[in-house]
Amino acid sequence: MLKPQDLVVALRLAIPPRRAWTYPEIAASLHMSASEAHAALKRAARSGLVDESNRTARKAALLEFIVHGVRYMLPPDWSGIVRGIPTSYAVPPLKDEIVGDEFPPVWPHAEGSVRGHGLAPIYKSVPDAALKDPDLHSWLSLVEAIRSGRARERELGARFLRERLT
């Protein structure tokens, strides 16, 4: 059975430059332990989201899962107005396409610079990893738009993700 961190690991492997990552590299980039990254990659491989032999994402399967399954597997968990890190349509490329409201979606985080509607991240270490890697932040925000957004946000998120994965 998939866990949230399995999706995060599979997504990490899909982001250019696509290469065979080591477990310690995956773990460090995602702020998790090497054993946690190893177990996540094993589960993601069993589900067909990654190729375990070369530690790369199976892009078509990953896209299909995110577009059609992520919002059912990981339903959004909203909280009140909090300080955090922008996500979903509050991050490029969606930020350039969607006019948001006064309080955009944010991952609650002490180092966040934006006040917005709190959205629990798909995995606990996502905000810390996103702070250190703008590309990862953008990709994860597209997943959040698909997971938690309204129809237009989901549609645009899927379009941008499809462009990146093909």
C-alpha atoms as a PDB file:
ATOM      1  CA  MET A   1       0.000   0.000   0.000  1.00  0.00           C
ATOM      2  CA  LEU A   2       1.303   3.447  -0.929  1.00  0.00           C
ATOM      3  CA  LYS A   3       2.166   6.033   1.685  1.00  0.00           C
ATOM      4  CA  PRO A   4       2.385   9.795   1.122  1.00  0.00           C
ATOM      5  CA  GLN A   5       6.195   9.782   1.174  1.00  0.00           C
ATOM      6  CA  ASP A   6       6.194   7.289  -1.721  1.00  0.00           C
ATOM      7  CA  LEU A   7       4.607   9.903  -3.961  1.00  0.00           C
ATOM      8  CA  VAL A   8       7.125  12.523  -2.827  1.00  0.00           C
ATOM      9  CA  VAL A   9      10.038  10.185  -3.608  1.00  0.00           C
ATOM     10  CA  ALA A  10       8.588   9.283  -7.017  1.00  0.00           C
ATOM     11  CA  LEU A  11       8.146  12.967  -7.805  1.00  0.00           C
ATOM     12  CA  ARG A  12      11.740  13.705  -6.715  1.00  0.00           C
ATOM     13  CA  LEU A  13      12.933  11.095  -9.225  1.00  0.00           C
ATOM     14  CA  ALA A  14      10.887  12.696 -12.010  1.00  0.00           C
ATOM     15  CA  ILE A  15      12.344  16.191 -11.673  1.00  0.00           C
ATOM     16  CA  PRO A  16      15.180  17.039 -14.084  1.00  0.00           C
ATOM     17  CA  PRO A  17      17.944  16.304 -14.246  1.00  0.00           C
ATOM     18  CA  ARG A  18      16.587  12.766 -14.294  1.00  0.00           C
ATOM     19  CA  ARG A  19      19.284  10.451 -13.031  1.00  0.00           C
ATOM     20  CA  ALA A  20      19.866   7.466 -10.798  1.00  0.00           C
ATOM     21  CA  TRP A  21      19.821   8.970  -7.328  1.00  0.00           C
ATOM     22  CA  THR A  22      21.450   7.290  -4.338  1.00  0.00           C
ATOM     23  CA  TYR A  23      19.280   6.664  -1.282  1.00  0.00           C
ATOM     24  CA  PRO A  24      21.233   9.169   0.843  1.00  0.00           C
ATOM     25  CA  GLU A  25      20.801  11.824  -1.894  1.00  0.00           C
ATOM     26  CA  ILE A  26      17.062  11.219  -2.109  1.00  0.00           C
ATOM     27  CA  ALA A  27      16.775  11.305   1.664  1.00  0.00           C
ATOM     28  CA  ALA A  28      18.781  14.512   2.067  1.00  0.00           C
ATOM     29  CA  SER A  29      16.862  16.318  -0.665  1.00  0.00           C
ATOM     30  CA  LEU A  30      13.517  15.378   0.914  1.00  0.00           C
ATOM     31  CA  HIS A  31      14.490  15.752   4.595  1.00  0.00           C
ATOM     32  CA  MET A  32      13.865  12.119   5.470  1.00  0.00           C
ATOM     33  CA  SER A  33      16.070   9.255   6.591  1.00  0.00           C
ATOM     34  CA  ALA A  34      17.829   7.028   4.076  1.00  0.00           C
ATOM     35  CA  SER A  35      15.885   4.000   5.337  1.00  0.00           C
ATOM     36  CA  GLU A  36      12.622   5.912   4.900  1.00  0.00           C
ATOM     37  CA  ALA A  37      13.625   6.883   1.335  1.00  0.00           C
ATOM     38  CA  HIS A  38      14.593   3.266   0.604  1.00  0.00           C
ATOM     39  CA  ALA A  39      11.270   1.901   1.862  1.00  0.00           C
ATOM     40  CA  ALA A  40       9.337   4.598  -0.044  1.00  0.00           C
ATOM     41  CA  LEU A  41      11.143   3.782  -3.271  1.00  0.00           C
ATOM     42  CA  LYS A  42      10.423   0.072  -2.792  1.00  0.00           C
ATOM     43  CA  ARG A  43       6.698   0.722  -2.324  1.00  0.00           C
ATOM     44  CA  ALA A  44       6.611   3.149  -5.271  1.00  0.00           C
ATOM     45  CA  ALA A  45       8.339   0.530  -7.429  1.00  0.00           C
ATOM     46  CA  ARG A  46       5.836  -2.144  -6.385  1.00  0.00           C
ATOM     47  CA  SER A  47       3.018   0.158  -7.440  1.00  0.00           C
ATOM     48  CA  GLY A  48       4.659   0.939 -10.794  1.00  0.00           C
ATOM     49  CA  LEU A  49       5.460   4.605 -10.141  1.00  0.00           C
ATOM     50  CA  VAL A  50       9.243   4.156 -10.332  1.00  0.00           C
ATOM     51  CA  ASP A  51      11.766   1.801 -11.877  1.00  0.00           C
ATOM     52  CA  GLU A  52      13.743   0.439  -8.960  1.00  0.00           C
ATOM     53  CA  SER A  53      16.633  -0.856 -11.094  1.00  0.00           C
ATOM     54  CA  ASN A  54      17.734   2.634 -12.152  1.00  0.00           C
ATOM     55  CA  ARG A  55      15.836   4.716  -9.552  1.00  0.00           C
ATOM     56  CA  THR A  56      13.914   6.762 -12.099  1.00  0.00           C
ATOM     57  CA  ALA A  57      10.249   7.697 -12.280  1.00  0.00           C
ATOM     58  CA  ARG A  58       7.840   6.005 -14.651  1.00  0.00           C
ATOM     59  CA  LYS A  59       6.476   9.292 -15.898  1.00  0.00           C
ATOM     60  CA  ALA A  60       3.256   8.081 -17.517  1.00  0.00           C
ATOM     61  CA  ALA A  61       2.225   6.095 -14.450  1.00  0.00           C
ATOM     62  CA  LEU A  62       3.152   8.925 -12.108  1.00  0.00           C
ATOM     63  CA  LEU A  63       1.142  11.421 -14.140  1.00  0.00           C
ATOM     64  CA  GLU A  64      -1.879   9.123 -14.242  1.00  0.00           C
ATOM     65  CA  PHE A  65      -1.736   8.543 -10.497  1.00  0.00           C
ATOM     66  CA  ILE A  66      -1.401  12.228  -9.635  1.00  0.00           C
ATOM     67  CA  VAL A  67      -4.106  13.428 -12.018  1.00  0.00           C
ATOM     68  CA  HIS A  68      -6.639  10.711 -11.239  1.00  0.00           C
ATOM     69  CA  GLY A  69      -5.817   9.392  -7.781  1.00  0.00           C
ATOM     70  CA  VAL A  70      -3.970  11.774  -5.506  1.00  0.00           C
ATOM     71  CA  ARG A  71      -6.986  13.750  -4.327  1.00  0.00           C
ATOM     72  CA  TYR A  72      -8.700  10.503  -3.286  1.00  0.00           C
ATOM     73  CA  MET A  73      -5.664   8.933  -1.637  1.00  0.00           C
ATOM     74  CA  LEU A  74      -4.592  12.152   0.100  1.00  0.00           C
ATOM     75  CA  PRO A  75      -7.642  14.374   0.582  1.00  0.00           C
ATOM     76  CA  PRO A  76      -6.779  17.968   1.483  1.00  0.00           C
ATOM     77  CA  ASP A  77      -6.736  18.900   5.150  1.00  0.00           C
ATOM     78  CA  TRP A  78      -7.383  22.631   5.544  1.00  0.00           C
ATOM     79  CA  SER A  79      -6.873  24.751   8.639  1.00  0.00           C
ATOM     80  CA  GLY A  80      -7.482  28.410   9.375  1.00  0.00           C
ATOM     81  CA  ILE A  81      -5.360  31.395   8.431  1.00  0.00           C
ATOM     82  CA  VAL A  82      -1.723  30.666   9.270  1.00  0.00           C
ATOM     83  CA  ARG A  83       1.768  31.772   8.356  1.00  0.00           C
ATOM     84  CA  GLY A  84       3.404  29.429   5.907  1.00  0.00           C
ATOM     85  CA  ILE A  85       4.959  28.654   2.554  1.00  0.00           C
ATOM     86  CA  PRO A  86       2.852  29.329  -0.553  1.00  0.00           C
ATOM     87  CA  THR A  87       1.634  26.298  -2.468  1.00  0.00           C
ATOM     88  CA  SER A  88      -0.875  25.295  -5.157  1.00  0.00           C
ATOM     89  CA  TYR A  89      -1.961  28.246  -7.297  1.00  0.00           C
ATOM     90  CA  ALA A  90       0.153  30.671  -5.197  1.00  0.00           C
ATOM     91  CA  VAL A  91       3.383  29.359  -6.809  1.00  0.00           C
ATOM     92  CA  PRO A  92       4.554  29.693 -10.440  1.00  0.00           C
ATOM     93  CA  PRO A  93       3.572  28.558 -12.983  1.00  0.00           C
ATOM     94  CA  LEU A  94      -0.014  28.610 -11.665  1.00  0.00           C
ATOM     95  CA  LYS A  95       0.497  31.958  -9.941  1.00  0.00           C
ATOM     96  CA  ASP A  96       0.848  33.522 -13.393  1.00  0.00           C
ATOM     97  CA  GLU A  97      -2.425  31.953 -14.592  1.00  0.00           C
ATOM     98  CA  ILE A  98      -4.796  32.226 -11.633  1.00  0.00           C
ATOM     99  CA  VAL A  99      -5.782  35.330  -9.741  1.00  0.00           C
ATOM    100  CA  GLY A 100      -5.890  34.309  -6.106  1.00  0.00           C
ATOM    101  CA  ASP A 101      -7.616  35.809  -3.137  1.00  0.00           C
ATOM    102  CA  GLU A 102      -6.183  37.681  -0.186  1.00  0.00           C
ATOM    103  CA  PHE A 103      -5.276  34.450   1.610  1.00  0.00           C
ATOM    104  CA  PRO A 104      -3.641  31.915  -0.734  1.00  0.00           C
ATOM    105  CA  PRO A 105      -3.048  28.277   0.187  1.00  0.00           C
ATOM    106  CA  VAL A 106       0.071  27.769   2.313  1.00  0.00           C
ATOM    107  CA  TRP A 107       1.817  24.881   4.004  1.00  0.00           C
ATOM    108  CA  PRO A 108       1.942  25.916   7.686  1.00  0.00           C
ATOM    109  CA  HIS A 109       5.586  26.561   8.581  1.00  0.00           C
ATOM    110  CA  ALA A 110       7.439  28.710  11.106  1.00  0.00           C
ATOM    111  CA  GLU A 111       9.767  30.054   8.391  1.00  0.00           C
ATOM    112  CA  GLY A 112       6.887  30.905   6.071  1.00  0.00           C
ATOM    113  CA  SER A 113       6.546  34.471   4.879  1.00  0.00           C
ATOM    114  CA  VAL A 114       2.918  34.443   3.702  1.00  0.00           C
ATOM    115  CA  ARG A 115      -0.368  34.395   5.606  1.00  0.00           C
ATOM    116  CA  GLY A 116      -2.930  32.148   4.030  1.00  0.00           C
ATOM    117  CA  HIS A 117      -5.268  29.190   4.333  1.00  0.00           C
ATOM    118  CA  GLY A 118      -3.311  26.355   5.923  1.00  0.00           C
ATOM    119  CA  LEU A 119      -3.088  23.190   3.837  1.00  0.00           C
ATOM    120  CA  ALA A 120      -1.419  20.205   5.449  1.00  0.00           C
ATOM    121  CA  PRO A 121       1.332  19.040   3.058  1.00  0.00           C
ATOM    122  CA  ILE A 122       1.167  15.604   1.479  1.00  0.00           C
ATOM    123  CA  TYR A 123       4.123  14.633   3.669  1.00  0.00           C
ATOM    124  CA  LYS A 124       5.538  16.302   6.777  1.00  0.00           C
ATOM    125  CA  SER A 125       8.977  17.158   5.333  1.00  0.00           C
ATOM    126  CA  VAL A 126       7.649  18.741   2.109  1.00  0.00           C
ATOM    127  CA  PRO A 127       7.808  22.376   3.326  1.00  0.00           C
ATOM    128  CA  ASP A 128      11.433  22.038   4.472  1.00  0.00           C
ATOM    129  CA  ALA A 129      12.445  20.353   1.216  1.00  0.00           C
ATOM    130  CA  ALA A 130      10.592  22.994  -0.827  1.00  0.00           C
ATOM    131  CA  LEU A 131      12.405  25.818   0.961  1.00  0.00           C
ATOM    132  CA  LYS A 132      15.730  24.418  -0.234  1.00  0.00           C
ATOM    133  CA  ASP A 133      14.737  23.469  -3.794  1.00  0.00           C
ATOM    134  CA  PRO A 134      12.619  25.849  -5.913  1.00  0.00           C
ATOM    135  CA  ASP A 135      12.091  23.242  -8.655  1.00  0.00           C
ATOM    136  CA  LEU A 136      10.796  20.699  -6.166  1.00  0.00           C
ATOM    137  CA  HIS A 137       8.590  23.416  -4.640  1.00  0.00           C
ATOM    138  CA  SER A 138       7.047  24.151  -8.037  1.00  0.00           C
ATOM    139  CA  TRP A 139       6.393  20.475  -8.813  1.00  0.00           C
ATOM    140  CA  LEU A 140       4.903  19.792  -5.391  1.00  0.00           C
ATOM    141  CA  SER A 141       2.698  22.866  -5.725  1.00  0.00           C
ATOM    142  CA  LEU A 142       1.278  21.506  -8.983  1.00  0.00           C
ATOM    143  CA  VAL A 143       0.437  18.279  -7.158  1.00  0.00           C
ATOM    144  CA  GLU A 144      -1.218  20.336  -4.403  1.00  0.00           C
ATOM    145  CA  ALA A 145      -3.285  22.210  -6.995  1.00  0.00           C
ATOM    146  CA  ILE A 146      -4.533  18.896  -8.372  1.00  0.00           C
ATOM    147  CA  ARG A 147      -5.124  17.501  -4.875  1.00  0.00           C
ATOM    148  CA  SER A 148      -6.834  20.500  -3.304  1.00  0.00           C
ATOM    149  CA  GLY A 149      -7.865  22.910  -6.034  1.00  0.00           C
ATOM    150  CA  ARG A 150     -11.089  23.784  -7.736  1.00  0.00           C
ATOM    151  CA  ALA A 151     -11.756  22.524 -11.276  1.00  0.00           C
ATOM    152  CA  ARG A 152      -9.714  25.225 -13.063  1.00  0.00           C
ATOM    153  CA  GLU A 153      -6.753  24.828 -10.692  1.00  0.00           C
ATOM    154  CA  ARG A 154      -6.816  21.051 -11.101  1.00  0.00           C
ATOM    155  CA  GLU A 155      -7.033  21.350 -14.882  1.00  0.00           C
ATOM    156  CA  LEU A 156      -4.133  23.822 -15.135  1.00  0.00           C
ATOM    157  CA  GLY A 157      -2.055  21.864 -12.632  1.00  0.00           C
ATOM    158  CA  ALA A 158      -2.549  18.703 -14.678  1.00  0.00           C
ATOM    159  CA  ARG A 159      -1.659  20.527 -17.897  1.00  0.00           C
ATOM    160  CA  PHE A 160       1.598  21.926 -16.491  1.00  0.00           C
ATOM    161  CA  LEU A 161       2.508  18.602 -14.898  1.00  0.00           C
ATOM    162  CA  ARG A 162       1.798  16.778 -18.164  1.00  0.00           C
ATOM    163  CA  GLU A 163       4.108  19.200 -20.022  1.00  0.00           C
ATOM    164  CA  ARG A 164       6.880  18.571 -17.503  1.00  0.00           C
ATOM    165  CA  LEU A 165       6.539  14.803 -17.537  1.00  0.00           C
ATOM    166  CA  THR A 166       6.408  14.300 -21.305  1.00  0.00           C
END
